[in-house]
């Protein structure tokens, strides 16, 4: 399958993506209060570009913008939801598409109380499988700060291969951060499908972290 043309409109799946306890669906207005609570976690602010004093205005802007980003073919953002109580657990997006090379990047963040339960690994597998099958991607990249070992372990559990350390690659909190670059190909994702996703604790950097 050939990757989509630059600027093409992305169509999110009609039904939520689901893998046991973890569900991915489009953002809703009702997610805003819970999103604010999630993004006020100090660990999320430490490893992502979520601003301090995150509030309703920023959350509403993210939810509103997510629709336009999909229509403009810029990103594919999903809310991470618990399948048991339907509570919002976090955010995950495919972003920074290079359509001529069938390539994209994944970024996510996860609520503190949702870590350690396998949600990050399952969410990564779900969105990457969808990106390969529906968007025609041939490579998905993930960047994690060198100090964020939990996020690196999640990437590896989801089938990503550690490829390089990119020095001073991201500016966070007005300081340069070294990032570990991971890559996932369609065959890698299939091989990782049977691995256990439990015991995972992480949050990662990406466009979804700008929520």
N, C-alpha and C. Protein backbone atom coordinates (compact mmCIF):
# COMPACT_ATOMS: atom_id res chain seq x y z
N UNK A 1 0.84 -1.20 0.00
CA UNK A 1 0.00 0.00 0.00
C UNK A 1 0.87 1.24 0.00
N UNK A 2 0.61 2.18 -0.88
CA UNK A 2 1.39 3.40 -0.97
C UNK A 2 0.88 4.41 0.04
N UNK A 3 1.80 5.16 0.68
CA UNK A 3 1.42 6.17 1.65
C UNK A 3 0.53 7.23 1.03
N UNK A 4 -0.20 7.94 1.85
CA UNK A 4 -1.11 8.97 1.39
C UNK A 4 -0.35 10.15 0.80
N UNK A 5 -1.04 10.91 -0.06
CA UNK A 5 -0.44 12.10 -0.65
C UNK A 5 -0.33 13.19 0.40
N UNK A 6 0.67 14.05 0.26
CA UNK A 6 0.84 15.16 1.18
C UNK A 6 -0.41 16.03 1.23
N UNK A 7 -0.86 16.35 2.45
CA UNK A 7 -2.04 17.19 2.60
C UNK A 7 -3.35 16.45 2.50
N UNK A 8 -3.31 15.14 2.29
CA UNK A 8 -4.55 14.37 2.18
C UNK A 8 -5.27 14.36 3.51
N UNK A 9 -6.59 14.28 3.46
CA UNK A 9 -7.40 14.25 4.68
C UNK A 9 -7.33 12.87 5.31
N UNK A 10 -7.00 12.83 6.57
CA UNK A 10 -6.97 11.57 7.32
C UNK A 10 -8.39 11.26 7.79
N UNK A 11 -8.78 10.01 7.69
CA UNK A 11 -10.08 9.58 8.18
C UNK A 11 -9.86 8.64 9.35
N UNK A 12 -10.27 9.07 10.54
CA UNK A 12 -10.14 8.21 11.71
C UNK A 12 -11.12 7.05 11.61
N UNK A 13 -10.83 5.93 12.25
CA UNK A 13 -11.71 4.76 12.14
C UNK A 13 -13.11 5.05 12.67
N UNK A 14 -14.10 4.45 12.03
CA UNK A 14 -15.49 4.66 12.45
C UNK A 14 -15.76 4.10 13.83
N UNK A 15 -15.08 3.01 14.17
CA UNK A 15 -15.23 2.39 15.48
C UNK A 15 -13.93 2.56 16.26
N UNK A 16 -14.02 2.67 17.59
CA UNK A 16 -12.80 2.79 18.40
C UNK A 16 -11.87 1.60 18.18
N UNK A 17 -10.56 1.86 18.32
CA UNK A 17 -9.57 0.79 18.29
C UNK A 17 -9.49 0.21 19.70
N UNK A 18 -9.51 -1.09 19.81
CA UNK A 18 -9.57 -1.70 21.14
C UNK A 18 -8.68 -2.93 21.22
N UNK A 19 -8.03 -3.09 22.36
CA UNK A 19 -7.22 -4.27 22.65
C UNK A 19 -7.36 -4.58 24.13
N UNK A 20 -8.37 -5.33 24.49
CA UNK A 20 -8.58 -5.67 25.89
C UNK A 20 -8.98 -4.46 26.71
N UNK A 21 -8.13 -4.05 27.64
CA UNK A 21 -8.47 -2.99 28.58
C UNK A 21 -8.29 -1.59 28.01
N UNK A 22 -7.67 -1.48 26.85
CA UNK A 22 -7.30 -0.17 26.30
C UNK A 22 -8.07 0.13 25.02
N UNK A 23 -8.60 1.35 24.93
CA UNK A 23 -9.39 1.78 23.78
C UNK A 23 -8.86 3.12 23.28
N UNK A 24 -8.79 3.29 21.97
CA UNK A 24 -8.45 4.57 21.36
C UNK A 24 -9.66 5.08 20.59
N UNK A 25 -10.03 6.34 20.84
CA UNK A 25 -11.15 6.95 20.13
C UNK A 25 -10.86 8.44 19.91
N UNK A 26 -11.61 9.10 19.03
CA UNK A 26 -11.42 10.55 18.84
C UNK A 26 -11.73 11.33 20.11
N UNK A 27 -11.21 12.55 20.17
CA UNK A 27 -11.43 13.41 21.32
C UNK A 27 -12.85 13.97 21.35
N UNK A 28 -13.34 14.21 22.58
CA UNK A 28 -14.68 14.76 22.79
C UNK A 28 -14.59 15.97 23.74
N UNK A 29 -15.58 16.82 23.66
CA UNK A 29 -15.63 17.97 24.56
C UNK A 29 -15.67 17.53 26.03
N UNK A 30 -16.31 16.41 26.28
CA UNK A 30 -16.44 15.92 27.65
C UNK A 30 -15.10 15.48 28.24
N UNK A 31 -14.06 15.34 27.41
CA UNK A 31 -12.74 14.92 27.90
C UNK A 31 -11.98 16.07 28.56
N UNK A 32 -12.42 17.30 28.35
CA UNK A 32 -11.61 18.46 28.73
C UNK A 32 -11.27 18.51 30.22
N UNK A 33 -12.22 18.38 31.15
CA UNK A 33 -11.84 18.46 32.58
C UNK A 33 -10.83 17.39 32.99
N UNK A 34 -11.03 16.18 32.53
CA UNK A 34 -10.12 15.10 32.87
C UNK A 34 -8.74 15.34 32.24
N UNK A 35 -8.70 15.87 31.02
CA UNK A 35 -7.43 16.17 30.37
C UNK A 35 -6.63 17.18 31.18
N UNK A 36 -7.30 18.17 31.70
CA UNK A 36 -6.63 19.17 32.54
C UNK A 36 -5.99 18.49 33.76
N UNK A 37 -6.73 17.62 34.42
CA UNK A 37 -6.20 16.94 35.60
C UNK A 37 -4.98 16.09 35.25
N UNK A 38 -5.04 15.39 34.13
CA UNK A 38 -3.92 14.54 33.71
C UNK A 38 -2.67 15.38 33.46
N UNK A 39 -2.83 16.49 32.74
CA UNK A 39 -1.68 17.27 32.29
C UNK A 39 -1.07 18.14 33.38
N UNK A 40 -1.65 18.15 34.56
CA UNK A 40 -1.05 18.88 35.68
C UNK A 40 -0.07 18.02 36.47
N UNK A 41 0.14 16.80 36.03
CA UNK A 41 1.11 15.90 36.65
C UNK A 41 2.53 16.41 36.39
N UNK A 42 3.35 16.52 37.43
CA UNK A 42 4.70 17.05 37.29
C UNK A 42 5.57 16.20 36.37
N UNK A 43 5.37 14.88 36.39
CA UNK A 43 6.18 14.01 35.52
C UNK A 43 5.86 14.26 34.05
N UNK A 44 4.60 14.49 33.71
CA UNK A 44 4.24 14.79 32.33
C UNK A 44 4.87 16.12 31.91
N UNK A 45 4.80 17.10 32.78
CA UNK A 45 5.41 18.39 32.45
C UNK A 45 6.93 18.28 32.33
N UNK A 46 7.51 17.35 33.07
CA UNK A 46 8.97 17.18 33.03
C UNK A 46 9.44 16.63 31.69
N UNK A 47 8.72 15.65 31.14
CA UNK A 47 9.21 14.95 29.95
C UNK A 47 8.53 15.38 28.65
N UNK A 48 7.56 16.25 28.72
CA UNK A 48 6.84 16.66 27.52
C UNK A 48 6.80 18.17 27.42
N UNK A 49 6.18 18.65 26.35
CA UNK A 49 6.04 20.09 26.16
C UNK A 49 4.71 20.63 26.69
N UNK A 50 4.04 19.85 27.51
CA UNK A 50 2.85 20.36 28.18
C UNK A 50 3.26 21.51 29.09
N UNK A 51 2.64 22.67 28.97
CA UNK A 51 3.05 23.83 29.77
C UNK A 51 2.63 23.70 31.24
N UNK A 52 3.31 24.44 32.08
CA UNK A 52 2.91 24.50 33.48
C UNK A 52 1.59 25.26 33.59
N UNK A 53 0.89 25.07 34.69
CA UNK A 53 -0.41 25.73 34.91
C UNK A 53 -1.38 25.42 33.78
N UNK A 54 -1.36 24.17 33.32
CA UNK A 54 -2.25 23.74 32.24
C UNK A 54 -3.70 23.87 32.70
N UNK A 55 -4.54 24.49 31.86
CA UNK A 55 -5.92 24.75 32.27
C UNK A 55 -6.95 24.45 31.21
N UNK A 56 -8.18 24.84 31.50
CA UNK A 56 -9.31 24.57 30.62
C UNK A 56 -9.11 25.16 29.24
N UNK A 57 -8.57 26.37 29.16
CA UNK A 57 -8.40 27.02 27.86
C UNK A 57 -7.48 26.21 26.96
N UNK A 58 -6.36 25.74 27.51
CA UNK A 58 -5.41 24.95 26.73
C UNK A 58 -6.01 23.62 26.32
N UNK A 59 -6.72 22.98 27.23
CA UNK A 59 -7.34 21.69 26.92
C UNK A 59 -8.41 21.84 25.85
N UNK A 60 -9.23 22.87 25.96
CA UNK A 60 -10.27 23.09 24.95
C UNK A 60 -9.65 23.37 23.58
N UNK A 61 -8.57 24.15 23.56
CA UNK A 61 -7.90 24.44 22.30
C UNK A 61 -7.36 23.17 21.66
N UNK A 62 -6.83 22.26 22.51
CA UNK A 62 -6.30 20.99 21.97
C UNK A 62 -7.42 20.15 21.36
N UNK A 63 -8.52 20.01 22.08
CA UNK A 63 -9.64 19.19 21.58
C UNK A 63 -10.19 19.78 20.29
N UNK A 64 -10.35 21.10 20.24
CA UNK A 64 -10.84 21.75 19.02
C UNK A 64 -9.85 21.60 17.88
N UNK A 65 -8.57 21.78 18.18
CA UNK A 65 -7.54 21.70 17.14
C UNK A 65 -7.40 20.29 16.59
N UNK A 66 -7.66 19.29 17.41
CA UNK A 66 -7.47 17.91 16.98
C UNK A 66 -8.31 17.59 15.75
N UNK A 67 -9.49 18.16 15.67
CA UNK A 67 -10.35 17.91 14.50
C UNK A 67 -9.74 18.50 13.23
N UNK A 68 -9.22 19.72 13.35
CA UNK A 68 -8.62 20.37 12.19
C UNK A 68 -7.36 19.66 11.74
N UNK A 69 -6.59 19.16 12.69
CA UNK A 69 -5.36 18.45 12.36
C UNK A 69 -5.65 17.19 11.54
N UNK A 70 -6.73 16.51 11.88
CA UNK A 70 -7.13 15.32 11.12
C UNK A 70 -7.55 15.71 9.71
N UNK A 71 -8.41 16.71 9.59
CA UNK A 71 -8.94 17.13 8.30
C UNK A 71 -7.83 17.63 7.37
N UNK A 72 -6.80 18.25 7.94
CA UNK A 72 -5.71 18.79 7.14
C UNK A 72 -4.60 17.77 6.88
N UNK A 73 -4.76 16.56 7.38
CA UNK A 73 -3.77 15.52 7.15
C UNK A 73 -2.48 15.74 7.91
N UNK A 74 -2.54 16.48 9.02
CA UNK A 74 -1.34 16.82 9.78
C UNK A 74 -1.05 15.77 10.86
N UNK A 75 -2.08 15.29 11.51
CA UNK A 75 -1.87 14.28 12.55
C UNK A 75 -3.13 13.46 12.74
N UNK A 76 -2.98 12.36 13.47
CA UNK A 76 -4.10 11.48 13.80
C UNK A 76 -4.12 11.32 15.31
N UNK A 77 -4.85 12.20 16.03
CA UNK A 77 -4.86 12.17 17.49
C UNK A 77 -5.99 11.31 18.05
N UNK A 78 -5.69 10.57 19.09
CA UNK A 78 -6.67 9.73 19.76
C UNK A 78 -6.61 9.96 21.27
N UNK A 79 -7.74 9.82 21.93
CA UNK A 79 -7.80 9.74 23.38
C UNK A 79 -7.63 8.28 23.78
N UNK A 80 -6.84 8.04 24.83
CA UNK A 80 -6.68 6.69 25.38
C UNK A 80 -7.71 6.52 26.50
N UNK A 81 -8.52 5.47 26.39
CA UNK A 81 -9.66 5.28 27.29
C UNK A 81 -9.60 3.90 27.94
N UNK A 82 -10.05 3.81 29.18
CA UNK A 82 -10.20 2.51 29.82
C UNK A 82 -11.47 1.84 29.30
N UNK A 83 -11.37 0.58 28.94
CA UNK A 83 -12.54 -0.13 28.42
C UNK A 83 -13.51 -0.52 29.54
N UNK A 84 -13.05 -0.51 30.78
CA UNK A 84 -13.91 -0.94 31.88
C UNK A 84 -14.81 0.18 32.39
N UNK A 85 -14.24 1.36 32.65
CA UNK A 85 -15.05 2.46 33.17
C UNK A 85 -15.12 3.66 32.22
N UNK A 86 -14.50 3.52 31.03
CA UNK A 86 -14.53 4.56 29.99
C UNK A 86 -13.88 5.87 30.43
N UNK A 87 -12.99 5.78 31.41
CA UNK A 87 -12.29 6.98 31.89
C UNK A 87 -11.15 7.34 30.94
N UNK A 88 -10.92 8.64 30.75
CA UNK A 88 -9.80 9.11 29.94
C UNK A 88 -8.50 8.81 30.67
N UNK A 89 -7.56 8.15 29.97
CA UNK A 89 -6.28 7.76 30.56
C UNK A 89 -5.10 8.53 29.99
N UNK A 90 -5.26 9.09 28.78
CA UNK A 90 -4.13 9.78 28.18
C UNK A 90 -4.39 10.16 26.75
N UNK A 91 -3.30 10.45 26.04
CA UNK A 91 -3.36 10.96 24.67
C UNK A 91 -2.29 10.27 23.84
N UNK A 92 -2.62 9.96 22.59
CA UNK A 92 -1.64 9.37 21.68
C UNK A 92 -1.96 9.84 20.26
N UNK A 93 -0.91 10.15 19.50
CA UNK A 93 -1.10 10.67 18.14
C UNK A 93 -0.03 10.16 17.20
N UNK A 94 -0.40 10.00 15.95
CA UNK A 94 0.57 9.87 14.86
C UNK A 94 0.75 11.27 14.29
N UNK A 95 2.01 11.70 14.17
CA UNK A 95 2.31 13.08 13.80
C UNK A 95 3.50 13.14 12.85
N UNK A 96 3.83 14.37 12.42
CA UNK A 96 5.04 14.64 11.63
C UNK A 96 5.18 13.67 10.45
N UNK A 97 4.12 13.56 9.68
CA UNK A 97 4.13 12.67 8.52
C UNK A 97 5.07 13.20 7.42
N UNK A 98 5.79 12.28 6.83
CA UNK A 98 6.53 12.54 5.60
C UNK A 98 5.96 11.56 4.58
N UNK A 99 4.90 12.01 3.91
CA UNK A 99 4.11 11.09 3.09
C UNK A 99 4.91 10.50 1.94
N UNK A 100 5.82 11.29 1.35
CA UNK A 100 6.57 10.75 0.21
C UNK A 100 7.48 9.58 0.61
N UNK A 101 7.77 9.48 1.91
CA UNK A 101 8.57 8.36 2.40
C UNK A 101 7.75 7.41 3.27
N UNK A 102 6.43 7.61 3.31
CA UNK A 102 5.52 6.76 4.08
C UNK A 102 5.99 6.62 5.53
N UNK A 103 6.29 7.77 6.13
CA UNK A 103 6.87 7.78 7.46
C UNK A 103 6.10 8.72 8.39
N UNK A 104 6.01 8.35 9.67
CA UNK A 104 5.38 9.21 10.67
C UNK A 104 6.03 9.00 12.02
N UNK A 105 5.57 9.76 13.00
CA UNK A 105 6.10 9.66 14.36
C UNK A 105 4.93 9.49 15.32
N UNK A 106 5.16 8.81 16.41
CA UNK A 106 4.12 8.63 17.42
C UNK A 106 4.55 9.32 18.71
N UNK A 107 3.59 9.97 19.36
CA UNK A 107 3.84 10.59 20.66
C UNK A 107 2.66 10.34 21.57
N UNK A 108 2.90 10.24 22.86
CA UNK A 108 1.80 9.94 23.78
C UNK A 108 2.12 10.44 25.17
N UNK A 109 1.11 10.52 26.00
CA UNK A 109 1.27 10.74 27.43
C UNK A 109 0.19 9.96 28.16
N UNK A 110 0.46 9.62 29.41
CA UNK A 110 -0.44 8.74 30.16
C UNK A 110 -0.60 9.26 31.58
N UNK A 111 -1.82 9.22 32.09
CA UNK A 111 -2.10 9.66 33.45
C UNK A 111 -1.31 8.83 34.46
N UNK A 112 -0.91 9.47 35.53
CA UNK A 112 -0.10 8.80 36.55
C UNK A 112 -0.74 7.50 37.04
N UNK A 113 -2.03 7.54 37.35
CA UNK A 113 -2.69 6.36 37.92
C UNK A 113 -2.90 5.25 36.89
N UNK A 114 -2.70 5.55 35.62
CA UNK A 114 -2.89 4.54 34.57
C UNK A 114 -1.59 3.81 34.23
N UNK A 115 -0.47 4.27 34.77
CA UNK A 115 0.82 3.65 34.44
C UNK A 115 0.99 2.34 35.19
N UNK A 116 1.77 1.46 34.60
CA UNK A 116 2.02 0.17 35.23
C UNK A 116 0.97 -0.88 34.94
N UNK A 117 0.01 -0.57 34.05
CA UNK A 117 -1.09 -1.49 33.75
C UNK A 117 -1.10 -1.95 32.29
N UNK A 118 -0.09 -1.58 31.52
CA UNK A 118 0.00 -2.02 30.13
C UNK A 118 -0.69 -1.13 29.13
N UNK A 119 -1.30 -0.03 29.57
CA UNK A 119 -2.05 0.82 28.64
C UNK A 119 -1.15 1.47 27.59
N UNK A 120 0.05 1.90 27.99
CA UNK A 120 0.94 2.57 27.04
C UNK A 120 1.35 1.62 25.91
N UNK A 121 1.73 0.40 26.28
CA UNK A 121 2.15 -0.57 25.26
C UNK A 121 0.99 -0.92 24.33
N UNK A 122 -0.18 -1.17 24.90
CA UNK A 122 -1.32 -1.52 24.06
C UNK A 122 -1.73 -0.36 23.16
N UNK A 123 -1.70 0.86 23.69
CA UNK A 123 -2.06 2.02 22.87
C UNK A 123 -1.08 2.19 21.71
N UNK A 124 0.20 2.00 21.98
CA UNK A 124 1.20 2.09 20.90
C UNK A 124 0.95 1.04 19.83
N UNK A 125 0.71 -0.18 20.24
CA UNK A 125 0.47 -1.24 19.26
C UNK A 125 -0.78 -0.95 18.43
N UNK A 126 -1.83 -0.47 19.09
CA UNK A 126 -3.09 -0.19 18.38
C UNK A 126 -2.90 0.89 17.32
N UNK A 127 -2.31 2.02 17.72
CA UNK A 127 -2.22 3.13 16.78
C UNK A 127 -1.23 2.83 15.66
N UNK A 128 -0.16 2.10 15.97
CA UNK A 128 0.82 1.77 14.93
C UNK A 128 0.25 0.77 13.93
N UNK A 129 -0.47 -0.25 14.42
CA UNK A 129 -1.09 -1.20 13.50
C UNK A 129 -2.08 -0.50 12.59
N UNK A 130 -2.84 0.45 13.15
CA UNK A 130 -3.78 1.21 12.33
C UNK A 130 -3.04 2.09 11.32
N UNK A 131 -1.96 2.72 11.74
CA UNK A 131 -1.20 3.56 10.83
C UNK A 131 -0.61 2.79 9.67
N UNK A 132 -0.12 1.59 9.93
CA UNK A 132 0.42 0.76 8.85
C UNK A 132 -0.69 0.32 7.90
N UNK A 133 -1.81 -0.13 8.46
CA UNK A 133 -2.88 -0.70 7.64
C UNK A 133 -3.71 0.36 6.92
N UNK A 134 -4.01 1.47 7.59
CA UNK A 134 -4.95 2.44 7.03
C UNK A 134 -4.30 3.65 6.38
N UNK A 135 -3.11 4.02 6.84
CA UNK A 135 -2.43 5.19 6.27
C UNK A 135 -1.30 4.81 5.32
N UNK A 136 -1.00 3.52 5.24
CA UNK A 136 0.05 3.08 4.33
C UNK A 136 1.45 3.42 4.80
N UNK A 137 1.64 3.65 6.09
CA UNK A 137 2.97 3.96 6.59
C UNK A 137 3.88 2.73 6.52
N UNK A 138 5.15 2.99 6.27
CA UNK A 138 6.14 1.92 6.24
C UNK A 138 7.15 2.05 7.38
N UNK A 139 7.08 3.15 8.11
CA UNK A 139 7.98 3.36 9.24
C UNK A 139 7.32 4.34 10.21
N UNK A 140 7.37 4.01 11.50
CA UNK A 140 6.89 4.91 12.55
C UNK A 140 8.02 5.11 13.55
N UNK A 141 8.28 6.37 13.87
CA UNK A 141 9.37 6.71 14.78
C UNK A 141 8.83 7.14 16.13
N UNK A 142 9.64 6.97 17.17
CA UNK A 142 9.29 7.39 18.52
C UNK A 142 10.55 7.96 19.16
N UNK A 143 10.41 9.11 19.82
CA UNK A 143 11.53 9.74 20.51
C UNK A 143 11.24 9.78 22.00
N UNK A 144 12.21 9.39 22.81
CA UNK A 144 12.09 9.45 24.26
C UNK A 144 13.35 10.07 24.83
N UNK A 145 13.20 10.95 25.81
CA UNK A 145 14.36 11.58 26.44
C UNK A 145 15.27 10.51 27.03
N UNK A 146 16.57 10.74 26.97
CA UNK A 146 17.52 9.74 27.47
C UNK A 146 17.30 9.45 28.95
N UNK A 147 16.78 10.41 29.69
CA UNK A 147 16.51 10.20 31.11
C UNK A 147 15.20 9.51 31.41
N UNK A 148 14.37 9.33 30.39
CA UNK A 148 13.05 8.72 30.57
C UNK A 148 13.11 7.23 30.23
N UNK A 149 13.73 6.48 31.15
CA UNK A 149 13.91 5.06 30.89
C UNK A 149 12.61 4.29 30.78
N UNK A 150 11.57 4.72 31.51
CA UNK A 150 10.29 4.01 31.45
C UNK A 150 9.71 4.07 30.05
N UNK A 151 9.79 5.23 29.42
CA UNK A 151 9.25 5.37 28.08
C UNK A 151 10.05 4.54 27.08
N UNK A 152 11.34 4.47 27.28
CA UNK A 152 12.16 3.65 26.40
C UNK A 152 11.78 2.17 26.50
N UNK A 153 11.51 1.72 27.71
CA UNK A 153 11.12 0.31 27.89
C UNK A 153 9.77 0.03 27.24
N UNK A 154 8.85 0.97 27.31
CA UNK A 154 7.56 0.79 26.65
C UNK A 154 7.74 0.67 25.14
N UNK A 155 8.58 1.53 24.57
CA UNK A 155 8.84 1.47 23.12
C UNK A 155 9.34 0.08 22.73
N UNK A 156 10.26 -0.46 23.51
CA UNK A 156 10.81 -1.77 23.19
C UNK A 156 9.76 -2.87 23.35
N UNK A 157 8.90 -2.77 24.37
CA UNK A 157 7.85 -3.76 24.55
C UNK A 157 6.85 -3.74 23.39
N UNK A 158 6.66 -2.55 22.81
CA UNK A 158 5.72 -2.42 21.69
C UNK A 158 6.35 -2.84 20.36
N UNK A 159 7.63 -3.24 20.37
CA UNK A 159 8.27 -3.75 19.17
C UNK A 159 9.23 -2.80 18.50
N UNK A 160 9.39 -1.58 19.04
CA UNK A 160 10.30 -0.60 18.45
C UNK A 160 11.75 -1.01 18.66
N UNK A 161 12.60 -0.65 17.71
CA UNK A 161 14.04 -0.90 17.79
C UNK A 161 14.77 0.39 18.14
N UNK A 162 15.60 0.33 19.16
CA UNK A 162 16.43 1.48 19.54
C UNK A 162 17.49 1.68 18.46
N UNK A 163 17.57 2.89 17.91
CA UNK A 163 18.44 3.11 16.75
C UNK A 163 19.57 4.10 16.99
N UNK A 164 19.34 5.14 17.80
CA UNK A 164 20.39 6.15 17.95
C UNK A 164 20.05 7.07 19.12
N UNK A 165 21.05 7.80 19.59
CA UNK A 165 20.86 8.89 20.52
C UNK A 165 21.10 10.19 19.76
N UNK A 166 20.10 11.07 19.77
CA UNK A 166 20.18 12.34 19.05
C UNK A 166 20.49 13.43 20.07
N UNK A 167 21.67 14.00 20.00
CA UNK A 167 22.11 14.95 21.01
C UNK A 167 21.45 16.31 20.82
N UNK A 168 21.01 16.90 21.94
CA UNK A 168 20.38 18.24 21.94
C UNK A 168 19.30 18.34 20.86
N UNK A 169 18.43 17.33 20.80
CA UNK A 169 17.48 17.23 19.70
C UNK A 169 16.18 17.99 19.98
N UNK A 170 15.75 18.02 21.25
CA UNK A 170 14.51 18.70 21.62
C UNK A 170 14.80 19.79 22.65
N UNK A 171 14.13 20.93 22.50
CA UNK A 171 14.18 21.96 23.52
C UNK A 171 12.98 21.78 24.44
N UNK A 172 13.25 21.52 25.71
CA UNK A 172 12.20 21.38 26.70
C UNK A 172 12.52 22.29 27.88
N UNK A 173 11.54 23.12 28.23
CA UNK A 173 11.74 24.02 29.36
C UNK A 173 12.99 24.87 29.15
N UNK A 174 13.17 25.30 27.90
CA UNK A 174 14.26 26.19 27.50
C UNK A 174 15.64 25.55 27.67
N UNK A 175 15.69 24.23 27.63
CA UNK A 175 16.96 23.51 27.73
C UNK A 175 16.98 22.39 26.68
N UNK A 176 18.16 22.12 26.08
CA UNK A 176 18.24 21.04 25.08
C UNK A 176 18.24 19.67 25.75
N UNK A 177 17.48 18.74 25.19
CA UNK A 177 17.41 17.37 25.70
C UNK A 177 17.95 16.41 24.65
N UNK A 178 18.77 15.45 25.09
CA UNK A 178 19.16 14.35 24.23
C UNK A 178 17.99 13.38 24.15
N UNK A 179 17.75 12.84 22.94
CA UNK A 179 16.63 11.94 22.75
C UNK A 179 17.10 10.61 22.19
N UNK A 180 16.47 9.53 22.65
CA UNK A 180 16.70 8.21 22.07
C UNK A 180 15.70 8.01 20.94
N UNK A 181 16.19 7.69 19.74
CA UNK A 181 15.34 7.48 18.58
C UNK A 181 15.05 6.00 18.40
N UNK A 182 13.75 5.68 18.28
CA UNK A 182 13.29 4.32 18.02
C UNK A 182 12.56 4.27 16.68
N UNK A 183 12.61 3.12 16.03
CA UNK A 183 11.88 2.93 14.78
C UNK A 183 11.09 1.64 14.78
N UNK A 184 9.93 1.66 14.12
CA UNK A 184 9.07 0.48 14.01
C UNK A 184 8.68 0.30 12.55
N UNK A 185 8.84 -0.92 12.04
CA UNK A 185 8.41 -1.29 10.69
C UNK A 185 7.23 -2.25 10.80
N UNK A 186 6.45 -2.42 9.74
CA UNK A 186 5.28 -3.31 9.83
C UNK A 186 5.60 -4.71 10.35
N UNK A 187 6.70 -5.29 9.90
CA UNK A 187 7.07 -6.62 10.36
C UNK A 187 7.43 -6.66 11.84
N UNK A 188 8.02 -5.57 12.33
CA UNK A 188 8.35 -5.49 13.76
C UNK A 188 7.09 -5.52 14.59
N UNK A 189 6.09 -4.77 14.15
CA UNK A 189 4.83 -4.68 14.90
C UNK A 189 4.17 -6.05 14.98
N UNK A 190 4.21 -6.81 13.90
CA UNK A 190 3.60 -8.14 13.90
C UNK A 190 4.32 -9.06 14.87
N UNK A 191 5.67 -8.95 14.92
CA UNK A 191 6.45 -9.81 15.81
C UNK A 191 6.19 -9.50 17.27
N UNK A 192 5.89 -8.21 17.55
CA UNK A 192 5.68 -7.79 18.94
C UNK A 192 4.29 -8.10 19.44
N UNK A 193 3.39 -8.51 18.55
CA UNK A 193 1.99 -8.68 18.92
C UNK A 193 1.74 -9.65 20.05
N UNK A 194 2.59 -10.65 20.20
CA UNK A 194 2.35 -11.64 21.24
C UNK A 194 3.05 -11.36 22.55
N UNK A 195 3.82 -10.28 22.62
CA UNK A 195 4.56 -10.00 23.86
C UNK A 195 3.63 -9.44 24.92
N UNK A 196 4.00 -9.64 26.17
CA UNK A 196 3.19 -9.14 27.28
C UNK A 196 3.27 -7.63 27.36
N UNK A 197 2.12 -6.98 27.60
CA UNK A 197 2.11 -5.53 27.74
C UNK A 197 1.92 -5.09 29.18
N UNK A 198 2.07 -5.99 30.15
CA UNK A 198 1.84 -5.63 31.54
C UNK A 198 3.12 -5.11 32.17
N UNK A 199 2.97 -4.49 33.33
CA UNK A 199 4.13 -3.99 34.04
C UNK A 199 4.76 -2.79 33.38
N UNK A 200 4.00 -1.97 32.67
CA UNK A 200 4.53 -0.87 31.91
C UNK A 200 4.24 0.44 32.62
N UNK A 201 5.23 1.30 32.70
CA UNK A 201 5.04 2.64 33.27
C UNK A 201 5.75 3.61 32.36
N UNK A 202 5.02 4.61 31.81
CA UNK A 202 5.70 5.54 30.90
C UNK A 202 4.88 6.75 30.57
N UNK A 203 5.55 7.76 30.09
CA UNK A 203 4.97 8.86 29.34
C UNK A 203 6.04 9.26 28.35
N UNK A 204 5.64 9.80 27.21
CA UNK A 204 6.60 10.04 26.15
C UNK A 204 6.39 11.40 25.52
N UNK A 205 7.33 11.80 24.69
CA UNK A 205 7.27 13.10 24.04
C UNK A 205 6.78 12.96 22.62
N UNK A 206 5.90 13.84 22.21
CA UNK A 206 5.40 13.86 20.86
C UNK A 206 4.38 14.95 20.73
N UNK A 207 3.78 15.07 19.55
CA UNK A 207 2.80 16.12 19.35
C UNK A 207 1.63 15.97 20.29
N UNK A 208 1.27 14.72 20.63
CA UNK A 208 0.16 14.52 21.56
C UNK A 208 0.47 15.13 22.91
N UNK A 209 1.75 15.28 23.23
CA UNK A 209 2.14 15.85 24.50
C UNK A 209 1.93 17.34 24.56
N UNK A 210 1.54 17.94 23.44
CA UNK A 210 1.26 19.37 23.43
C UNK A 210 -0.17 19.67 23.85
N UNK A 211 -0.90 18.62 24.29
CA UNK A 211 -2.29 18.80 24.68
C UNK A 211 -2.43 19.85 25.77
